[in-house]
Protein backbone atom coordinates (compact mmCIF):
# COMPACT_ATOMS: atom_id res chain seq x y z
CA UNK A 1 27.13 -23.01 171.21
CA UNK A 2 28.52 -23.88 174.62
CA UNK A 3 26.65 -26.52 176.56
CA UNK A 4 24.96 -25.71 179.83
CA UNK A 5 26.91 -26.04 183.09
CA UNK A 6 27.10 -29.52 184.61
CA UNK A 7 24.96 -28.62 187.61
CA UNK A 8 22.31 -26.97 185.46
CA UNK A 9 22.27 -29.99 183.15
CA UNK A 10 21.55 -32.27 186.12
CA UNK A 11 18.61 -30.06 187.11
CA UNK A 12 17.19 -29.57 183.62
CA UNK A 13 17.70 -33.13 182.36
CA UNK A 14 14.76 -34.60 184.32
CA UNK A 15 12.65 -31.53 183.37
CA UNK A 16 13.17 -32.30 179.67
CA UNK A 17 12.01 -35.90 180.22
CA UNK A 18 8.95 -34.72 182.14
CA UNK A 19 8.03 -32.21 179.44
CA UNK A 20 8.21 -34.95 176.84
CA UNK A 21 5.93 -37.14 178.95
CA UNK A 22 3.45 -34.35 179.74
CA UNK A 23 3.32 -32.80 176.24
CA UNK A 24 0.18 -34.65 175.10
CA UNK A 25 -1.64 -33.94 178.38
CA UNK A 26 -0.75 -30.24 178.23
CA UNK A 27 -2.10 -29.92 174.67
CA UNK A 28 -5.28 -31.86 175.46
CA UNK A 29 -5.99 -29.83 178.61
CA UNK A 30 -5.42 -26.46 176.94
CA UNK A 31 -7.49 -27.34 173.86
CA UNK A 32 -10.32 -28.64 176.05
CA UNK A 33 -10.29 -25.44 178.10
CA UNK A 34 -10.39 -23.17 175.02
CA UNK A 35 -13.18 -25.20 173.40
CA UNK A 36 -15.14 -24.94 176.64
CA UNK A 37 -14.73 -21.16 176.64
CA UNK A 38 -15.88 -20.94 173.02
CA UNK A 39 -18.91 -23.14 173.66
CA UNK A 40 -19.81 -21.03 176.69
CA UNK A 41 -19.52 -17.81 174.67
CA UNK A 42 -21.66 -19.20 171.82
CA UNK A 43 -24.37 -20.46 174.19
CA UNK A 44 -25.31 -16.87 175.18
CA UNK A 45 -26.79 -14.08 173.03
CA UNK A 46 -25.80 -14.36 169.34
CA UNK A 47 -22.33 -12.93 168.66
CA UNK A 48 -20.28 -12.37 165.55
CA UNK A 49 -17.10 -14.40 165.13
CA UNK A 50 -14.99 -11.39 166.11
CA UNK A 51 -17.09 -10.73 169.21
CA UNK A 52 -16.81 -14.38 170.20
CA UNK A 53 -13.02 -14.15 170.05
CA UNK A 54 -13.16 -10.92 172.08
CA UNK A 55 -15.39 -12.63 174.65
CA UNK A 56 -12.77 -15.35 175.14
CA UNK A 57 -9.52 -13.38 174.84
CA UNK A 58 -10.07 -9.60 175.36
CA UNK A 59 -8.56 -8.21 178.54
CA UNK A 60 -9.89 -4.64 178.26
CA UNK A 61 -12.79 -2.83 176.65
CA UNK A 62 -16.49 -3.79 176.49
CA UNK A 63 -15.67 -7.53 176.38
CA UNK A 64 -12.61 -7.31 178.55
CA UNK A 65 -12.09 -9.57 181.54
CA UNK A 66 -8.92 -9.96 183.52
CA UNK A 67 -9.63 -13.72 183.81
CA UNK A 68 -9.28 -13.97 180.04
CA UNK A 69 -5.54 -14.01 180.74
CA UNK A 70 -6.05 -17.73 181.42
CA UNK A 71 -7.19 -18.15 177.80
CA UNK A 72 -3.97 -16.58 176.58
CA UNK A 73 -1.99 -18.95 178.82
CA UNK A 74 -3.95 -21.94 177.49
CA UNK A 75 -3.29 -20.84 173.91
CA UNK A 76 0.42 -20.26 174.48
CA UNK A 77 1.29 -23.16 176.78
CA UNK A 78 1.39 -25.98 174.15
CA UNK A 79 3.76 -23.94 171.97
CA UNK A 80 5.91 -22.85 174.90
CA UNK A 81 6.25 -26.38 176.30
CA UNK A 82 7.18 -27.75 172.86
CA UNK A 83 9.73 -24.98 172.33
CA UNK A 84 11.19 -25.52 175.83
CA UNK A 85 11.56 -29.27 175.28
CA UNK A 86 13.32 -28.81 171.93
CA UNK A 87 15.57 -26.11 173.35
CA UNK A 88 16.55 -28.32 176.27
CA UNK A 89 17.19 -31.30 173.98
CA UNK A 90 19.53 -29.18 171.86
CA UNK A 91 21.44 -27.60 174.75
CA UNK A 92 21.65 -30.67 176.98
CA UNK A 93 23.65 -32.55 174.37
CA UNK A 94 27.38 -32.85 174.85
CA UNK A 95 28.62 -34.68 171.71
CA UNK A 96 32.31 -34.66 172.71
CA UNK A 97 31.58 -36.16 176.13
CA UNK A 98 29.23 -38.76 174.67
CA UNK A 99 31.78 -39.79 172.03
CA UNK A 100 34.41 -40.21 174.73
CA UNK A 101 32.06 -42.31 176.85
CA UNK A 102 31.03 -44.57 173.95
CA UNK A 103 34.71 -45.26 173.21
CA UNK A 104 35.10 -46.43 176.83
CA UNK A 105 31.87 -48.46 176.75
CA UNK A 106 32.99 -50.20 173.55
CA UNK A 107 36.17 -51.44 175.22
CA UNK A 108 34.05 -53.45 177.65
CA UNK A 109 31.81 -54.93 174.96
CA UNK A 110 33.07 -58.08 173.20
CA UNK A 111 34.35 -57.15 169.75
CA UNK A 112 31.88 -59.42 167.95
CA UNK A 113 28.91 -57.68 169.64
CA UNK A 114 29.88 -54.01 169.29
CA UNK A 115 28.17 -53.48 165.93
CA UNK A 116 24.94 -54.94 167.35
CA UNK A 117 24.83 -52.58 170.35
CA UNK A 118 25.24 -49.31 168.46
CA UNK A 119 23.39 -46.45 170.19
CA UNK A 120 22.39 -48.56 173.22
CA UNK A 121 23.28 -48.42 176.89
CA UNK A 122 25.38 -51.58 177.10
CA UNK A 123 28.23 -53.21 179.00
CA UNK A 124 29.85 -56.58 178.45
CA UNK A 125 27.45 -58.88 176.56
CA UNK A 126 24.39 -57.04 177.93
CA UNK A 127 22.38 -54.57 175.86
CA UNK A 128 19.45 -52.47 177.09
CA UNK A 129 16.10 -53.10 175.46
CA UNK A 130 14.19 -50.62 177.64
CA UNK A 131 15.35 -48.23 180.35
CA UNK A 132 12.95 -46.90 182.96
CA UNK A 133 12.07 -43.37 181.75
CA UNK A 134 13.06 -41.84 185.09
CA UNK A 135 15.96 -43.95 186.31
CA UNK A 136 16.11 -42.35 189.74
CA UNK A 137 12.57 -43.57 190.36
CA UNK A 138 12.61 -46.72 188.23
CA UNK A 139 9.45 -48.79 187.86
CA UNK A 140 7.79 -49.67 191.17
CA UNK A 141 6.05 -53.00 191.74
CA UNK A 142 2.71 -51.52 190.70
CA UNK A 143 4.21 -50.06 187.50
CA UNK A 144 5.08 -53.47 186.03
CA UNK A 145 2.43 -55.61 184.36
CA UNK A 146 3.36 -59.07 183.08
CA UNK A 147 0.78 -61.04 181.12
CA UNK A 148 0.93 -64.64 179.93
CA UNK A 149 0.27 -65.28 176.25
CA UNK A 150 -2.52 -67.84 175.75
CA UNK A 151 -0.43 -69.79 173.22
CA UNK A 152 2.79 -71.56 174.14
CA UNK A 153 6.01 -70.74 172.33
CA UNK A 154 6.65 -72.86 169.23
CA UNK A 155 10.06 -73.38 167.67
CA UNK A 156 10.61 -72.25 164.06
CA UNK A 157 9.99 -75.17 161.67
CA UNK A 158 13.54 -74.92 160.32
CA UNK A 159 14.88 -75.68 163.82
CA UNK A 160 12.65 -78.64 164.70
CA UNK A 161 14.87 -81.47 163.43
CA UNK A 162 18.01 -80.03 165.02
CA UNK A 163 16.12 -79.50 168.28
CA UNK A 164 14.80 -83.07 168.38
CA UNK A 165 18.28 -84.47 167.81
CA UNK A 166 19.68 -82.19 170.54
CA UNK A 167 16.97 -83.17 173.01
CA UNK A 168 17.26 -86.90 172.29
CA UNK A 169 21.03 -86.75 172.72
CA UNK A 170 20.52 -85.43 176.29
CA UNK A 171 17.36 -87.27 177.26
CA UNK A 172 18.44 -87.72 180.89
CA UNK A 173 19.12 -83.99 181.31
CA UNK A 174 15.69 -83.10 179.93
CA UNK A 175 13.72 -85.87 181.63
CA UNK A 176 11.49 -83.43 183.55
CA UNK A 177 11.87 -80.57 181.02
CA UNK A 178 10.19 -78.02 183.24
CA UNK A 179 8.31 -75.05 181.78
CA UNK A 180 10.10 -71.72 181.44
CA UNK A 181 8.66 -68.34 180.55
CA UNK A 182 10.07 -66.35 177.66
CA UNK A 183 9.77 -62.62 177.21
CA UNK A 184 8.09 -62.58 173.83
CA UNK A 185 7.30 -60.26 170.96
CA UNK A 186 5.61 -56.95 171.72
CA UNK A 187 6.25 -54.25 169.12
CA UNK A 188 6.64 -51.47 170.00
CA UNK A 189 8.50 -52.87 173.00
CA UNK A 190 7.35 -50.12 175.36
CA UNK A 191 6.52 -46.45 175.26
CA UNK A 192 9.79 -44.75 176.13
CA UNK A 193 8.30 -42.19 178.49
CA UNK A 194 5.45 -44.25 179.94
CA UNK A 195 5.50 -44.39 183.74
CA UNK A 196 4.61 -48.09 183.60
CA UNK A 197 5.71 -51.04 181.49
CA UNK A 198 3.64 -53.90 180.10
CA UNK A 199 5.42 -57.13 179.22
CA UNK A 200 4.20 -60.40 177.75
CA UNK A 201 5.64 -63.84 178.32
CA UNK A 202 4.96 -67.15 176.60
CA UNK A 203 5.47 -70.59 178.09
CA UNK A 204 8.40 -72.50 176.65
CA UNK A 205 10.49 -75.47 177.79
CA UNK A 206 13.87 -75.77 179.48
CA UNK A 207 15.11 -77.90 176.58
CA UNK A 208 14.09 -75.27 174.03
CA UNK A 209 15.89 -72.51 175.96
CA UNK A 210 19.03 -74.64 176.29
CA UNK A 211 18.91 -75.60 172.61
CA UNK A 212 19.05 -71.95 171.57
CA UNK A 213 21.76 -71.20 174.15
CA UNK A 214 23.96 -74.15 173.16
CA UNK A 215 23.26 -74.50 169.43
CA UNK A 216 22.09 -71.11 168.13
CA UNK A 217 23.74 -68.40 170.27
CA UNK A 218 27.16 -69.71 169.25
CA UNK A 219 26.43 -69.34 165.53
CA UNK A 220 27.40 -65.73 164.80
CA UNK A 221 25.09 -65.05 161.85
CA UNK A 222 22.02 -66.51 163.57
CA UNK A 223 22.75 -64.85 166.91
CA UNK A 224 23.22 -61.48 165.22
CA UNK A 225 19.89 -61.82 163.44
CA UNK A 226 18.04 -62.55 166.69
CA UNK A 227 19.78 -59.70 168.55
CA UNK A 228 18.92 -57.14 165.86
CA UNK A 229 15.36 -58.43 165.74
CA UNK A 230 15.01 -58.16 169.54
CA UNK A 231 16.33 -54.58 169.55
CA UNK A 232 14.32 -53.32 166.59
CA UNK A 233 11.14 -55.37 166.28
CA UNK A 234 10.29 -58.39 168.40
CA UNK A 235 11.67 -61.25 170.50
CA UNK A 236 11.18 -64.55 168.68
CA UNK A 237 13.63 -66.88 170.44
CA UNK A 238 12.91 -68.99 173.54
CA UNK A 239 14.45 -67.56 176.70
CA UNK A 240 14.21 -68.01 180.45
CA UNK A 241 13.04 -64.55 181.57
CA UNK A 242 15.19 -63.75 184.59
CA UNK A 243 15.20 -61.20 187.41
CA UNK A 244 18.68 -59.85 188.27
CA UNK A 245 18.30 -58.15 191.65
CA UNK A 246 20.75 -55.73 193.30
CA UNK A 247 20.32 -55.89 197.07
CA UNK A 248 21.04 -52.71 199.06
CA UNK A 249 20.92 -52.65 202.86
CA UNK A 250 19.68 -49.76 204.98
CA UNK A 251 23.30 -48.73 205.71
CA UNK A 252 23.92 -48.35 201.94
CA UNK A 253 25.90 -51.55 201.43
CA UNK A 254 25.50 -53.48 198.18
CA UNK A 255 25.47 -57.26 198.53
CA UNK A 256 28.03 -59.27 196.55
CA UNK A 257 27.61 -63.04 196.57
CA UNK A 258 30.03 -65.73 195.44
CA UNK A 259 28.17 -68.22 193.24
CA UNK A 260 28.70 -71.87 194.03
CA UNK A 261 31.05 -73.87 191.84
CA UNK A 262 28.34 -76.51 191.39
CA UNK A 263 26.14 -74.18 189.33
CA UNK A 264 25.76 -74.87 185.62
CA UNK A 265 25.97 -71.21 184.60
CA UNK A 266 28.35 -68.49 185.82
CA UNK A 267 29.78 -70.78 188.50
CA UNK A 268 32.52 -69.75 190.95
CA UNK A 269 32.21 -66.00 190.24
CA UNK A 270 30.88 -63.00 192.16
CA UNK A 271 27.51 -61.45 191.46
CA UNK A 272 25.66 -58.23 192.32
CA UNK A 273 23.54 -59.69 193.94
CA UNK A 274 21.06 -62.54 193.16
CA UNK A 275 19.11 -63.91 190.20
CA UNK A 276 15.95 -65.97 189.65
CA UNK A 277 14.04 -67.11 186.58
CA UNK A 278 10.30 -66.63 186.42
CA UNK A 279 8.41 -69.70 187.66
CA UNK A 280 4.91 -71.09 187.17
CA UNK A 281 3.87 -70.06 190.70
CA UNK A 282 4.77 -66.43 189.93
CA UNK A 283 2.31 -66.10 187.08
CA UNK A 284 -0.40 -68.74 187.57
CA UNK A 285 -3.69 -67.34 188.91
CA UNK A 286 -2.10 -63.91 189.33
CA UNK A 287 -3.25 -60.60 187.93
CA UNK A 288 -0.75 -58.97 185.57
CA UNK A 289 0.04 -56.32 188.20
CA UNK A 290 0.88 -58.98 190.84
CA UNK A 291 3.35 -61.13 188.89
CA UNK A 292 6.47 -59.04 189.46
CA UNK A 293 5.61 -58.69 193.17
CA UNK A 294 5.34 -62.47 193.58
CA UNK A 295 8.52 -63.04 191.61
CA UNK A 296 10.68 -60.52 193.51
CA UNK A 297 9.33 -61.55 196.92
CA UNK A 298 10.03 -65.22 196.18
CA UNK A 299 13.59 -64.37 195.15
CA UNK A 300 14.38 -62.65 198.46
CA UNK A 301 12.82 -65.46 200.46
CA UNK A 302 14.50 -68.33 198.60
CA UNK A 303 17.95 -66.82 198.08
CA UNK A 304 18.39 -64.82 201.31
CA UNK A 305 15.83 -66.30 203.71
CA UNK A 306 14.28 -62.93 204.57
CA UNK A 307 11.14 -62.87 206.72
CA UNK A 308 7.76 -61.94 205.29
CA UNK A 309 7.82 -58.72 207.31
CA UNK A 310 11.22 -57.64 205.97
CA UNK A 311 10.15 -58.47 202.41
CA UNK A 312 6.94 -56.43 202.79
CA UNK A 313 9.00 -53.44 203.97
CA UNK A 314 11.50 -53.72 201.08
CA UNK A 315 11.32 -51.09 198.36
CA UNK A 316 11.69 -52.54 194.88
CA UNK A 317 12.67 -50.53 191.79
CA UNK A 318 13.11 -52.06 188.33
CA UNK A 319 15.63 -50.15 186.21
CA UNK A 320 15.73 -51.83 182.81
CA UNK A 321 14.84 -54.73 180.60
CA UNK A 322 17.96 -56.05 178.88
CA UNK A 323 19.28 -58.70 176.54
CA UNK A 324 22.12 -61.10 177.34
CA UNK A 325 23.30 -61.38 173.76
CA UNK A 326 25.94 -64.06 174.32
CA UNK A 327 23.34 -66.59 175.47
CA UNK A 328 20.19 -65.09 173.89
CA UNK A 329 18.36 -64.47 177.14
CA UNK A 330 16.14 -61.62 178.37
CA UNK A 331 16.17 -60.24 181.89
CA UNK A 332 15.07 -57.42 184.20
CA UNK A 333 17.60 -55.44 186.25
CA UNK A 334 16.10 -54.26 189.54
CA UNK A 335 17.06 -52.97 192.99
CA UNK A 336 15.76 -54.04 196.39
CA UNK A 337 16.31 -51.52 199.21
CA UNK A 338 16.08 -53.62 202.38
CA UNK A 339 14.76 -52.27 205.69
CA UNK A 340 17.64 -53.98 207.55
CA UNK A 341 21.36 -53.14 207.74
CA UNK A 342 24.27 -55.29 206.58
CA UNK A 343 24.91 -56.78 210.06
CA UNK A 344 21.28 -57.90 210.31
CA UNK A 345 21.44 -59.34 206.80
CA UNK A 346 24.56 -61.29 207.79
CA UNK A 347 22.60 -62.81 210.68
CA UNK A 348 19.69 -63.76 208.39
CA UNK A 349 21.95 -65.41 205.80
CA UNK A 350 23.95 -67.31 208.45
CA UNK A 351 20.71 -68.61 209.96
CA UNK A 352 20.35 -70.63 206.78
CA UNK A 353 16.59 -70.34 206.31
CA UNK A 354 16.87 -70.25 202.53
CA UNK A 355 15.69 -73.05 200.24
CA UNK A 356 18.23 -72.20 197.52
CA UNK A 357 21.96 -72.37 198.23
CA UNK A 358 23.33 -70.84 195.05
CA UNK A 359 26.06 -68.85 196.82
CA UNK A 360 28.63 -69.94 199.38
CA UNK A 361 30.14 -66.59 200.44
CA UNK A 362 29.21 -62.94 200.47
CA UNK A 363 30.75 -59.50 200.84
CA UNK A 364 29.59 -55.87 200.62
CA UNK A 365 30.51 -52.93 198.45
CA UNK A 366 29.91 -49.31 199.34
CA UNK A 367 28.23 -47.21 196.68
CA UNK A 368 31.32 -44.98 196.34
CA UNK A 369 33.41 -48.08 195.46
CA UNK A 370 31.15 -49.21 192.65
CA UNK A 371 32.44 -47.08 189.79
CA UNK A 372 36.02 -48.14 190.41
CA UNK A 373 34.90 -51.77 190.51
CA UNK A 374 33.07 -51.30 187.22
CA UNK A 375 36.11 -49.84 185.45
CA UNK A 376 38.85 -51.79 187.26
CA UNK A 377 37.26 -55.00 188.59
CA UNK A 378 39.07 -56.76 191.42
CA UNK A 379 37.04 -59.96 191.13
CA UNK A 380 35.76 -62.29 188.42
CA UNK A 381 32.09 -61.41 187.98
CA UNK A 382 28.84 -62.88 186.69
CA UNK A 383 28.53 -61.74 183.06
CA UNK A 384 25.61 -59.41 183.86
CA UNK A 385 27.06 -57.92 187.08
CA UNK A 386 28.96 -55.03 185.40
CA UNK A 387 25.81 -54.06 183.47
CA UNK A 388 23.88 -54.02 186.75
CA UNK A 389 26.57 -51.79 188.27
CA UNK A 390 26.20 -49.39 185.35
CA UNK A 391 22.42 -48.95 185.51
CA UNK A 392 22.44 -48.79 189.32
CA UNK A 393 25.04 -46.00 189.27
CA UNK A 394 23.01 -44.15 186.63
CA UNK A 395 19.91 -44.41 188.82
CA UNK A 396 21.66 -42.81 191.79
CA UNK A 397 22.38 -39.48 190.08
CA UNK A 398 21.78 -39.09 186.36
CA UNK A 399 23.19 -40.85 183.36
CA UNK A 400 24.85 -37.59 182.30
CA UNK A 401 26.61 -37.30 185.65
CA UNK A 402 27.70 -40.94 185.45
CA UNK A 403 29.11 -40.42 181.95
CA UNK A 404 31.20 -37.50 183.22
CA UNK A 405 32.46 -39.59 186.15
CA UNK A 406 33.38 -42.51 183.89
CA UNK A 407 35.22 -40.27 181.45
CA UNK A 408 37.11 -38.47 184.23
CA UNK A 409 38.06 -41.70 186.03
CA UNK A 410 39.07 -43.69 182.94
CA UNK A 411 42.86 -44.01 182.72
CA UNK A 412 43.56 -47.19 180.79
CA UNK A 413 43.74 -47.68 177.01
CA UNK A 414 42.20 -51.12 177.51
CA UNK A 415 40.51 -52.56 180.57
CA UNK A 416 40.23 -56.25 181.38
CA UNK A 417 38.57 -58.11 184.23
CA UNK A 418 40.60 -60.57 186.29
CA UNK A 419 40.96 -63.74 184.35
CA UNK A 420 39.07 -62.12 181.44
């Protein structure tokens, strides 16, 4: 059967997602209403079972009431909503288009990771663990709850000897060995259609995170096992939970920054836009609903030097939780819509009121340039930047629309980034 028109698919796609979310509430409400009607009918003069049904449902005759039409609606609505959702799921599919898109996506995923990312929204070494159910809206600050596990992360016993040798061999590097916070196990990871997301982190150490990055992520069999486990069940490896923030100005410019060559990770490349690992101050003495707010506000202040007023007026939207499979790290992709334009942001950055100096240059991209930059990059990018481009573009229309745009714009049999 022919698929629905593109425009109609864009309208009905969000409706299908909403119906799936509301299904349980619709059933509960309708059942409660009908039970209330039955109880009300039975609380009056004694009636036979047939008369009770007539009292609730009959529209004409001795028991007839026009308002009983509501009972018919309540009885039919759960079935109609279920039928509508299944019908939309069947007709909104476009297998040929999806197959074409996945072939393109696979070209951008390292060969050794493709079999691990099957069925996921992915780009480069980054694989989605959880997408916001309504990407256009994302998760707001109040939708994200982050709780600290009471117990600290402990390394698997089989890794302890190798870890001690690794740490002792770099004792100067790990002299302070500051605490990090790892996104940890939480099966099921999140309810797909929940309007909020609850995450748990456990305290780990910088040395433990680096040990897994340097000694485990490079061992194919072990890395594959941890990636599959993270996608299907739980996250059991130490990681430095990181916020990857796309900064958008009020004149719709996306901030690109050039990372300093002195950085230990992803040095001398461009990023969209800034990143920051979770810190002790973000989570200590904070309610679960406040952690992401503290974290994102600190990032804008430290990396860009924004004022408290501008940060308060910034709209934050988290789009996904994802896995950096090449280094075994977990992160959140989010967007910050600033209340100031690109010229004002230039002035703020040049003023130099920023504690961190992780970038030494910056540029802007317009939203209509982003897809071309994703498919045919003109710069060397941070390894997660293309993934951020992908989920941001999907959030601005619909993933279905983005897939069509990618398929229509793709021209090359193989695409490579500069210097890639």
